[in-house]
């Protein structure tokens, strides 16, 4: 059962009822309390038992996790999605009644969500449940920050609500989550997998290199799809558990809409903001891991000195630097990259740190950074036009910003790669690679096979 100071919760609800009566509209209330340790995956599974759509986000390196259960309100934007989402969020926060005595990022009022890679690309039925831009404020949010745990209850209060009854119901609902224990269902088997038009995709790589060699672009990132048929509908909790175990140094995420769930393990941070301190990541240039320590070191050394991969990485470094310089002060970028190792792959990595100027928000940065050269290409508009016209899939939320923000001016967004869209007992997996003037279609195809591996492995492949 949630431990609250009864008078404090009731007092907050009393204030909300008065405000709702004065405005003749529902009043959003957010109440955060520090709680005992709880397994985030159990909390996630409890939400399913309660019939609630779920959201999940964790940064394994930071020992940080957010789990959202249900939805108290949505932020949905089609046109001018960055500005409109920011406007809706600021309005929501300024009018909400928030009790949060903690300064911990991810506590207080929190919204989790994401957006489409390219709103100008025609939508398909594959992504019909996912909006152009959508963020949820959950009814219940669990926050884990290292060894500390917090529970936030969000509710809309009307003038006709009764304080005692509402407080009792909120505590009862929270108790169902905090006292929940259940074993996670067994994993599924992969029955069939189909690579969507692989030879046609290789032809598209050749078409892109021709365009690049005609000096109409410098780099074009092309993605492709693998469709899976599973033995039954997988338990998302089990999928997340496997990703948490196998994909260290990654952001593990899930955004659920009924039987559709977009889930993945991405190594690529787009931007992190704590108050005004900004951190972005240049992660471009890819190689496999070695089978032995000696082989792994040799591959790393080759990657660090490979002209194609270093050039691809430098594109991203310069793009991020130029994108944020108007919004930031004291930009700090190391002179050369280091190796960022994952289970199946290793990447070139350069961190970018800066101080955000007053008057700007995390959405200003996202708007400038998305899509990075690692997901779109160079120059941006030329590569996006090619992708929009010729790519063989609707990327939907793949390759796009996903993440969270809170009412204390903290937030973090990652690039949704190494991901898949699970739909009942089927799933679509997505992988891409950067095409440059000397790209070999067969080599690029092999690279995408490696990038399919994280999601394929947790779905029985």
Protein backbone atom coordinates (compact mmCIF):
# COMPACT_ATOMS: atom_id res chain seq x y z
CA UNK A 1 0.00 0.00 0.00
CA UNK A 2 1.25 3.47 -0.80
CA UNK A 3 2.57 5.32 2.23
CA UNK A 4 1.23 8.88 2.19
CA UNK A 5 0.51 11.53 4.72
CA UNK A 6 -3.25 11.27 4.62
CA UNK A 7 -3.81 14.92 5.39
CA UNK A 8 -1.44 15.98 2.60
CA UNK A 9 -3.15 13.97 -0.14
CA UNK A 10 -6.62 14.98 1.05
CA UNK A 11 -5.55 18.61 1.28
CA UNK A 12 -4.30 18.52 -2.30
CA UNK A 13 -7.56 16.99 -3.51
CA UNK A 14 -9.55 19.61 -1.56
CA UNK A 15 -7.63 22.36 -3.37
CA UNK A 16 -8.28 20.68 -6.70
CA UNK A 17 -12.03 20.45 -6.10
CA UNK A 18 -12.14 24.15 -5.27
CA UNK A 19 -10.20 25.01 -8.45
CA UNK A 20 -12.40 22.71 -10.53
CA UNK A 21 -15.47 24.43 -9.13
CA UNK A 22 -14.06 27.89 -9.85
CA UNK A 23 -13.08 27.08 -13.43
CA UNK A 24 -15.92 24.62 -14.12
CA UNK A 25 -13.37 22.23 -15.64
CA UNK A 26 -11.35 19.23 -14.54
CA UNK A 27 -8.21 19.95 -12.50
CA UNK A 28 -5.09 17.84 -13.02
CA UNK A 29 -3.45 16.74 -9.76
CA UNK A 30 -0.01 15.12 -9.49
CA UNK A 31 1.22 13.61 -6.22
CA UNK A 32 4.72 12.09 -5.82
CA UNK A 33 5.85 9.97 -2.91
CA UNK A 34 9.08 8.12 -2.19
CA UNK A 35 8.42 4.38 -1.82
CA UNK A 36 10.22 1.15 -0.98
CA UNK A 37 12.10 -0.77 -3.65
CA UNK A 38 9.93 -2.40 -6.29
CA UNK A 39 10.73 -4.36 -9.47
CA UNK A 40 9.91 -2.09 -12.45
CA UNK A 41 9.01 -5.12 -14.57
CA UNK A 42 6.49 -6.27 -11.94
CA UNK A 43 4.99 -2.77 -11.98
CA UNK A 44 4.84 -2.97 -15.80
CA UNK A 45 3.12 -6.37 -15.65
CA UNK A 46 0.65 -5.14 -13.04
CA UNK A 47 -0.50 -2.45 -15.46
CA UNK A 48 -1.48 -5.15 -17.95
CA UNK A 49 -3.54 -6.91 -15.28
CA UNK A 50 -5.30 -3.59 -14.66
CA UNK A 51 -6.10 -3.24 -18.37
CA UNK A 52 -3.88 -0.17 -18.83
CA UNK A 53 -1.69 0.75 -21.80
CA UNK A 54 1.94 0.89 -20.72
CA UNK A 55 5.11 2.87 -21.32
CA UNK A 56 8.63 1.86 -20.32
CA UNK A 57 11.95 3.67 -20.43
CA UNK A 58 15.28 2.85 -18.90
CA UNK A 59 18.82 4.09 -19.24
CA UNK A 60 20.80 1.10 -18.04
CA UNK A 61 24.07 3.01 -17.73
CA UNK A 62 22.43 5.58 -15.43
CA UNK A 63 20.40 3.03 -13.41
CA UNK A 64 17.35 5.10 -14.27
CA UNK A 65 13.91 3.78 -15.14
CA UNK A 66 10.41 5.12 -15.78
CA UNK A 67 7.29 2.95 -16.01
CA UNK A 68 3.96 4.48 -16.94
CA UNK A 69 0.58 2.82 -16.38
CA UNK A 70 -2.53 4.13 -18.08
CA UNK A 71 -3.09 7.65 -19.37
CA UNK A 72 -4.52 10.66 -17.60
CA UNK A 73 -3.98 12.95 -20.60
CA UNK A 74 -2.39 13.05 -24.06
CA UNK A 75 -0.28 15.62 -25.86
CA UNK A 76 -1.02 15.07 -29.56
CA UNK A 77 0.32 17.24 -32.38
CA UNK A 78 0.21 16.97 -36.17
CA UNK A 79 1.31 20.33 -37.55
CA UNK A 80 4.37 22.08 -36.05
CA UNK A 81 4.74 19.11 -33.76
CA UNK A 82 7.75 20.37 -31.77
CA UNK A 83 6.29 23.79 -31.02
CA UNK A 84 2.78 22.46 -30.49
CA UNK A 85 3.91 19.70 -28.10
CA UNK A 86 5.99 22.19 -26.11
CA UNK A 87 3.04 24.61 -25.95
CA UNK A 88 0.67 21.88 -24.73
CA UNK A 89 3.20 20.68 -22.15
CA UNK A 90 3.86 24.15 -20.75
CA UNK A 91 0.13 24.77 -20.50
CA UNK A 92 -0.42 21.44 -18.76
CA UNK A 93 2.36 22.02 -16.21
CA UNK A 94 1.36 25.62 -15.46
CA UNK A 95 -2.24 24.62 -14.73
CA UNK A 96 -1.58 21.38 -12.83
CA UNK A 97 -1.57 21.09 -9.07
CA UNK A 98 1.75 19.34 -8.43
CA UNK A 99 3.07 17.99 -5.14
CA UNK A 100 6.68 16.86 -5.60
CA UNK A 101 9.15 17.67 -2.81
CA UNK A 102 11.97 15.91 -4.70
CA UNK A 103 14.44 17.31 -7.23
CA UNK A 104 15.09 13.91 -8.79
CA UNK A 105 14.79 13.87 -12.59
CA UNK A 106 11.77 11.87 -13.71
CA UNK A 107 9.65 12.71 -10.65
CA UNK A 108 6.66 15.01 -10.55
CA UNK A 109 4.53 15.35 -13.66
CA UNK A 110 6.13 13.26 -16.43
CA UNK A 111 5.19 12.77 -20.08
CA UNK A 112 6.55 9.87 -22.17
CA UNK A 113 6.24 9.44 -25.91
CA UNK A 114 7.63 9.97 -29.34
CA UNK A 115 6.90 10.90 -32.92
CA UNK A 116 7.10 9.75 -36.52
CA UNK A 117 10.44 9.82 -38.31
CA UNK A 118 9.02 11.83 -41.21
CA UNK A 119 5.55 13.43 -40.99
CA UNK A 120 5.65 14.08 -44.76
CA UNK A 121 5.87 10.38 -45.58
CA UNK A 122 2.51 8.72 -46.27
CA UNK A 123 1.16 6.73 -43.32
CA UNK A 124 0.45 3.03 -43.73
CA UNK A 125 -1.73 0.64 -41.73
CA UNK A 126 1.41 -0.72 -40.06
CA UNK A 127 1.63 2.37 -37.83
CA UNK A 128 -2.06 3.33 -37.71
CA UNK A 129 -2.17 3.33 -33.89
CA UNK A 130 0.82 5.68 -33.54
CA UNK A 131 0.32 9.41 -33.97
CA UNK A 132 2.52 11.90 -35.76
CA UNK A 133 3.54 13.06 -32.28
CA UNK A 134 2.12 11.70 -29.03
CA UNK A 135 3.11 11.98 -25.38
CA UNK A 136 1.27 10.44 -22.45
CA UNK A 137 1.00 11.56 -18.87
CA UNK A 138 0.43 8.20 -17.09
CA UNK A 139 -2.09 7.66 -14.32
CA UNK A 140 0.70 6.05 -12.33
CA UNK A 141 4.42 6.57 -12.89
CA UNK A 142 7.16 4.56 -11.22
CA UNK A 143 10.56 6.27 -11.16
CA UNK A 144 13.77 4.43 -10.27
CA UNK A 145 16.90 6.53 -9.76
CA UNK A 146 19.72 4.20 -8.72
CA UNK A 147 18.56 2.79 -5.37
CA UNK A 148 15.71 5.29 -4.81
CA UNK A 149 12.11 4.66 -5.92
CA UNK A 150 9.22 7.09 -6.36
CA UNK A 151 5.55 6.74 -7.23
CA UNK A 152 3.57 9.52 -8.87
CA UNK A 153 -0.23 9.42 -8.97
CA UNK A 154 -1.92 11.65 -11.56
CA UNK A 155 -5.65 12.20 -11.67
CA UNK A 156 -8.19 14.66 -13.02
CA UNK A 157 -10.46 16.03 -10.30
CA UNK A 158 -13.92 17.45 -11.00
CA UNK A 159 -16.06 19.74 -8.87
CA UNK A 160 -18.39 16.82 -8.08
CA UNK A 161 -15.67 14.55 -6.68
CA UNK A 162 -15.62 13.65 -3.00
CA UNK A 163 -12.21 14.00 -1.34
CA UNK A 164 -12.40 10.96 0.91
CA UNK A 165 -13.76 8.63 -1.77
CA UNK A 166 -11.22 9.78 -4.36
CA UNK A 167 -8.28 9.47 -1.97
CA UNK A 168 -9.40 5.97 -1.01
CA UNK A 169 -9.67 4.93 -4.66
CA UNK A 170 -6.24 6.34 -5.53
CA UNK A 171 -4.61 4.49 -2.62
CA UNK A 172 -6.42 1.29 -3.56
CA UNK A 173 -5.22 1.49 -7.18
CA UNK A 174 -1.65 2.22 -6.08
CA UNK A 175 -1.79 -0.71 -3.69
CA UNK A 176 -2.64 -3.07 -6.56
CA UNK A 177 0.65 -2.10 -8.21
CA UNK A 178 2.94 -1.95 -5.20
CA UNK A 179 1.85 -5.30 -3.84
CA UNK A 180 1.85 -7.07 -7.20
CA UNK A 181 3.86 -10.25 -7.77
CA UNK A 182 3.53 -12.54 -10.74
CA UNK A 183 5.86 -14.65 -12.83
CA UNK A 184 6.50 -13.39 -16.33
CA UNK A 185 4.99 -15.58 -19.08
CA UNK A 186 7.28 -17.85 -21.07
CA UNK A 187 8.96 -16.59 -24.23
CA UNK A 188 7.63 -17.21 -27.72
CA UNK A 189 9.09 -19.21 -30.60
CA UNK A 190 9.86 -17.76 -34.01
CA UNK A 191 7.77 -19.60 -36.60
CA UNK A 192 8.67 -17.64 -39.71
CA UNK A 193 10.71 -14.64 -40.78
CA UNK A 194 10.59 -12.75 -44.05
CA UNK A 195 13.01 -10.09 -45.21
CA UNK A 196 10.98 -7.58 -47.20
CA UNK A 197 12.38 -7.28 -50.76
CA UNK A 198 16.10 -7.68 -49.91
CA UNK A 199 17.28 -7.67 -53.55
CA UNK A 200 15.22 -4.60 -54.33
CA UNK A 201 16.75 -2.93 -51.25
CA UNK A 202 20.27 -3.73 -52.49
CA UNK A 203 19.29 -2.13 -55.80
CA UNK A 204 18.18 0.93 -53.85
CA UNK A 205 21.62 1.11 -52.21
CA UNK A 206 23.17 1.16 -55.69
CA UNK A 207 20.70 3.85 -56.75
CA UNK A 208 21.69 5.94 -53.72
CA UNK A 209 25.41 5.59 -54.43
CA UNK A 210 24.78 6.72 -58.02
CA UNK A 211 23.03 9.82 -56.73
CA UNK A 212 25.88 10.50 -54.31
CA UNK A 213 28.48 10.08 -57.06
CA UNK A 214 26.53 12.65 -59.08
CA UNK A 215 27.14 15.07 -56.17
CA UNK A 216 23.41 15.27 -55.38
CA UNK A 217 24.01 14.07 -51.80
CA UNK A 218 26.90 13.03 -49.58
CA UNK A 219 25.17 10.33 -47.55
CA UNK A 220 21.74 8.66 -47.57
CA UNK A 221 20.57 6.37 -44.77
CA UNK A 222 18.38 3.51 -45.97
CA UNK A 223 16.29 1.26 -43.73
CA UNK A 224 14.55 -2.02 -44.36
CA UNK A 225 12.02 -4.30 -42.68
CA UNK A 226 11.95 -7.90 -41.49
CA UNK A 227 8.52 -9.38 -40.77
CA UNK A 228 8.17 -12.12 -38.13
CA UNK A 229 5.44 -14.66 -37.38
CA UNK A 230 5.55 -15.85 -33.76
CA UNK A 231 4.10 -18.89 -32.01
CA UNK A 232 1.82 -16.62 -29.98
CA UNK A 233 1.56 -13.02 -28.82
CA UNK A 234 4.72 -12.30 -26.80
CA UNK A 235 4.63 -10.91 -23.28
CA UNK A 236 6.21 -7.46 -23.54
CA UNK A 237 7.48 -7.85 -19.97
CA UNK A 238 9.50 -10.88 -21.04
CA UNK A 239 10.82 -9.06 -24.11
CA UNK A 240 11.95 -6.16 -21.92
CA UNK A 241 13.56 -8.50 -19.40
CA UNK A 242 15.62 -10.13 -22.15
CA UNK A 243 16.65 -6.77 -23.59
CA UNK A 244 17.70 -5.52 -20.15
CA UNK A 245 19.87 -8.60 -19.74
CA UNK A 246 21.41 -8.68 -23.21
CA UNK A 247 21.61 -5.03 -24.32
CA UNK A 248 23.66 -3.22 -21.72
CA UNK A 249 24.73 0.38 -22.45
CA UNK A 250 21.37 0.90 -24.17
CA UNK A 251 18.08 2.68 -23.70
CA UNK A 252 15.33 0.07 -23.39
CA UNK A 253 11.88 1.40 -24.31
CA UNK A 254 8.30 0.29 -24.96
CA UNK A 255 5.25 2.29 -26.04
CA UNK A 256 2.07 0.26 -26.04
CA UNK A 257 -1.23 0.85 -27.85
CA UNK A 258 -3.49 -2.11 -27.11
CA UNK A 259 -1.99 -5.11 -28.98
CA UNK A 260 0.57 -2.95 -30.78
CA UNK A 261 3.82 -2.20 -28.95
CA UNK A 262 6.88 -0.37 -30.26
CA UNK A 263 9.85 -1.73 -28.35
CA UNK A 264 13.61 -1.60 -28.69
CA UNK A 265 17.09 -1.24 -27.24
CA UNK A 266 18.85 1.76 -28.74
CA UNK A 267 22.41 2.84 -27.91
CA UNK A 268 21.89 6.29 -29.39
CA UNK A 269 21.05 9.24 -27.17
CA UNK A 270 19.69 12.27 -29.00
CA UNK A 271 19.73 14.72 -26.10
CA UNK A 272 19.62 14.72 -22.31
CA UNK A 273 18.77 17.81 -20.29
CA UNK A 274 19.11 18.32 -16.53
CA UNK A 275 17.94 21.85 -15.80
CA UNK A 276 20.14 23.72 -18.30
CA UNK A 277 22.94 21.16 -18.68
CA UNK A 278 22.78 19.48 -22.07
CA UNK A 279 24.37 16.23 -23.23
CA UNK A 280 24.13 14.89 -26.76
CA UNK A 281 25.80 11.90 -28.37
CA UNK A 282 27.55 11.34 -31.67
CA UNK A 283 27.19 7.62 -32.37
CA UNK A 284 28.00 6.72 -35.97
CA UNK A 285 30.42 4.29 -37.53
CA UNK A 286 29.73 0.60 -36.92
CA UNK A 287 31.60 -2.70 -36.77
CA UNK A 288 30.83 -6.17 -35.36
CA UNK A 289 32.29 -7.48 -32.10
CA UNK A 290 35.17 -9.95 -32.28
CA UNK A 291 34.90 -13.58 -31.22
CA UNK A 292 38.04 -13.24 -29.07
CA UNK A 293 39.52 -10.37 -27.08
CA UNK A 294 42.39 -10.03 -29.54
CA UNK A 295 40.05 -10.03 -32.54
CA UNK A 296 37.75 -7.52 -30.81
CA UNK A 297 40.66 -5.13 -30.21
CA UNK A 298 41.80 -5.45 -33.81
CA UNK A 299 38.30 -4.67 -35.11
CA UNK A 300 38.12 -1.66 -32.76
CA UNK A 301 41.47 -0.40 -34.02
CA UNK A 302 40.36 -0.79 -37.63
CA UNK A 303 37.09 1.02 -36.90
CA UNK A 304 38.91 3.94 -35.28
CA UNK A 305 41.08 4.41 -38.38
CA UNK A 306 38.61 3.49 -41.12
CA UNK A 307 38.06 6.51 -43.45
CA UNK A 308 34.44 5.61 -44.29
CA UNK A 309 33.37 5.19 -40.67
CA UNK A 310 35.38 8.17 -39.41
CA UNK A 311 33.89 10.31 -42.15
CA UNK A 312 30.38 9.12 -41.25
CA UNK A 313 31.08 9.89 -37.59
CA UNK A 314 32.51 13.35 -38.30
CA UNK A 315 29.35 14.23 -40.23
CA UNK A 316 27.35 13.66 -37.05
CA UNK A 317 29.80 15.57 -34.83
CA UNK A 318 29.75 18.66 -37.03
CA UNK A 319 25.99 18.50 -37.52
CA UNK A 320 25.30 18.41 -33.77
CA UNK A 321 27.77 21.21 -33.11
CA UNK A 322 26.18 23.43 -35.76
CA UNK A 323 22.63 22.50 -34.73
CA UNK A 324 23.01 23.50 -31.06
CA UNK A 325 25.36 26.50 -31.26
CA UNK A 326 22.50 29.02 -31.52
CA UNK A 327 20.81 27.58 -28.41
CA UNK A 328 23.80 26.79 -26.21
CA UNK A 329 26.85 28.19 -24.47
CA UNK A 330 30.15 26.53 -23.51
CA UNK A 331 29.99 23.70 -26.08
CA UNK A 332 32.55 20.98 -25.28
CA UNK A 333 33.49 18.29 -27.82
CA UNK A 334 36.49 15.91 -27.61
CA UNK A 335 38.93 15.98 -30.54
CA UNK A 336 38.44 12.34 -31.52
CA UNK A 337 35.98 9.50 -30.87
CA UNK A 338 36.32 6.43 -28.68
CA UNK A 339 34.81 2.95 -29.02
CA UNK A 340 31.32 2.35 -27.57
CA UNK A 341 30.88 -1.45 -27.20
CA UNK A 342 27.55 -3.28 -27.30
CA UNK A 343 26.84 -7.01 -27.27
CA UNK A 344 26.61 -7.46 -31.05
CA UNK A 345 28.19 -4.26 -32.34
CA UNK A 346 30.67 -1.52 -31.54
CA UNK A 347 30.39 2.12 -32.56
CA UNK A 348 32.43 5.29 -32.72
CA UNK A 349 31.31 7.59 -29.88
CA UNK A 350 31.80 11.28 -29.12
CA UNK A 351 29.89 13.11 -26.33
CA UNK A 352 28.80 16.74 -26.75
CA UNK A 353 28.20 18.83 -23.62
CA UNK A 354 26.82 22.36 -23.41
CA UNK A 355 24.74 24.81 -21.37
CA UNK A 356 21.27 25.60 -22.73
CA UNK A 357 20.56 29.32 -22.99
CA UNK A 358 17.60 30.80 -21.14
CA UNK A 359 14.38 30.86 -23.16
CA UNK A 360 14.97 27.57 -24.99
CA UNK A 361 13.73 24.05 -24.31
CA UNK A 362 14.55 20.45 -25.09
CA UNK A 363 12.14 20.61 -28.04
CA UNK A 364 14.20 23.36 -29.68
CA UNK A 365 17.18 20.98 -29.61
CA UNK A 366 15.22 17.95 -30.84
CA UNK A 367 13.86 19.97 -33.75
CA UNK A 368 17.39 20.94 -34.81
CA UNK A 369 18.95 17.50 -34.30
CA UNK A 370 16.34 15.25 -35.88
CA UNK A 371 17.13 13.47 -38.06
CA UNK A 372 20.86 13.25 -37.44
CA UNK A 373 23.13 12.28 -40.36
CA UNK A 374 23.21 8.79 -38.80
CA UNK A 375 19.47 8.35 -39.51
CA UNK A 376 18.75 10.69 -42.42
CA UNK A 377 21.85 11.66 -44.31
CA UNK A 378 23.75 14.67 -45.63
CA UNK A 379 22.53 17.14 -46.68
CA UNK A 380 19.36 16.65 -44.69
CA UNK A 381 16.69 17.71 -47.19
CA UNK A 382 18.25 15.93 -50.16
CA UNK A 383 18.59 12.67 -48.25
CA UNK A 384 15.09 12.90 -46.76
CA UNK A 385 13.61 13.53 -50.20
CA UNK A 386 15.30 10.40 -51.52
CA UNK A 387 14.14 8.33 -48.52
CA UNK A 388 10.60 9.68 -48.84
CA UNK A 389 10.41 8.83 -52.51
CA UNK A 390 12.23 5.50 -52.78
CA UNK A 391 12.52 3.72 -49.40
CA UNK A 392 10.47 0.54 -49.25
CA UNK A 393 8.84 1.01 -45.85
CA UNK A 394 6.95 3.37 -43.59
CA UNK A 395 9.45 4.01 -40.78
CA UNK A 396 6.73 5.25 -38.42
CA UNK A 397 8.41 5.84 -35.06
CA UNK A 398 11.54 3.91 -36.10
CA UNK A 399 14.59 6.19 -36.17
CA UNK A 400 12.64 9.03 -34.57
CA UNK A 401 12.98 10.74 -31.16
CA UNK A 402 11.42 8.85 -28.23
CA UNK A 403 11.77 9.78 -24.58
CA UNK A 404 10.40 11.72 -21.65
CA UNK A 405 10.27 15.12 -19.95
CA UNK A 406 9.24 16.23 -16.47
CA UNK A 407 7.85 19.33 -14.77
CA UNK A 408 11.31 20.23 -13.36
CA UNK A 409 12.88 20.95 -16.79
CA UNK A 410 14.56 17.58 -17.10
CA UNK A 411 14.22 15.17 -19.98
CA UNK A 412 15.94 12.72 -22.26
CA UNK A 413 15.37 11.52 -25.80
CA UNK A 414 16.97 8.69 -27.75
CA UNK A 415 16.88 7.72 -31.40
CA UNK A 416 14.55 4.72 -31.77
CA UNK A 417 16.79 2.26 -33.61
CA UNK A 418 17.40 -1.49 -32.91
CA UNK A 419 13.62 -1.71 -32.55
CA UNK A 420 10.49 -3.47 -33.63
CA UNK A 421 6.73 -3.07 -33.76
CA UNK A 422 5.00 -6.05 -32.16
CA UNK A 423 1.41 -6.60 -33.30
CA UNK A 424 -0.27 -9.58 -31.69
CA UNK A 425 1.62 -12.68 -32.82
CA UNK A 426 3.49 -10.80 -35.56
CA UNK A 427 6.28 -8.24 -35.53
CA UNK A 428 8.12 -5.90 -37.87
CA UNK A 429 11.80 -5.30 -37.17
CA UNK A 430 13.73 -2.37 -38.64
CA UNK A 431 17.39 -1.77 -39.44
CA UNK A 432 19.29 0.72 -41.55
CA UNK A 433 22.75 1.86 -42.61
CA UNK A 434 24.47 4.89 -44.05
CA UNK A 435 25.16 4.80 -47.78
CA UNK A 436 28.09 6.83 -49.11
CA UNK A 437 29.82 7.05 -52.47
CA UNK A 438 31.85 3.83 -52.11
CA UNK A 439 29.20 1.74 -50.34
CA UNK A 440 28.88 -1.89 -51.39
CA UNK A 441 25.24 -3.11 -51.43
CA UNK A 442 26.16 -6.57 -50.15
CA UNK A 443 28.23 -5.16 -47.27
CA UNK A 444 25.45 -2.77 -46.30
CA UNK A 445 22.97 -5.65 -46.40
CA UNK A 446 25.21 -7.66 -44.04
CA UNK A 447 25.42 -4.68 -41.68
CA UNK A 448 21.63 -4.52 -41.42
CA UNK A 449 21.53 -8.24 -40.56
CA UNK A 450 23.76 -7.51 -37.56
CA UNK A 451 21.48 -4.63 -36.53
CA UNK A 452 18.40 -6.86 -36.68
CA UNK A 453 20.03 -9.23 -34.16
CA UNK A 454 19.13 -7.54 -30.82
CA UNK A 455 15.36 -7.64 -31.43
CA UNK A 456 15.41 -10.88 -33.39
CA UNK A 457 17.18 -12.69 -30.55
CA UNK A 458 14.63 -11.70 -27.89
CA UNK A 459 11.76 -12.82 -30.14
CA UNK A 460 13.04 -16.36 -30.56
CA UNK A 461 15.29 -15.84 -33.60
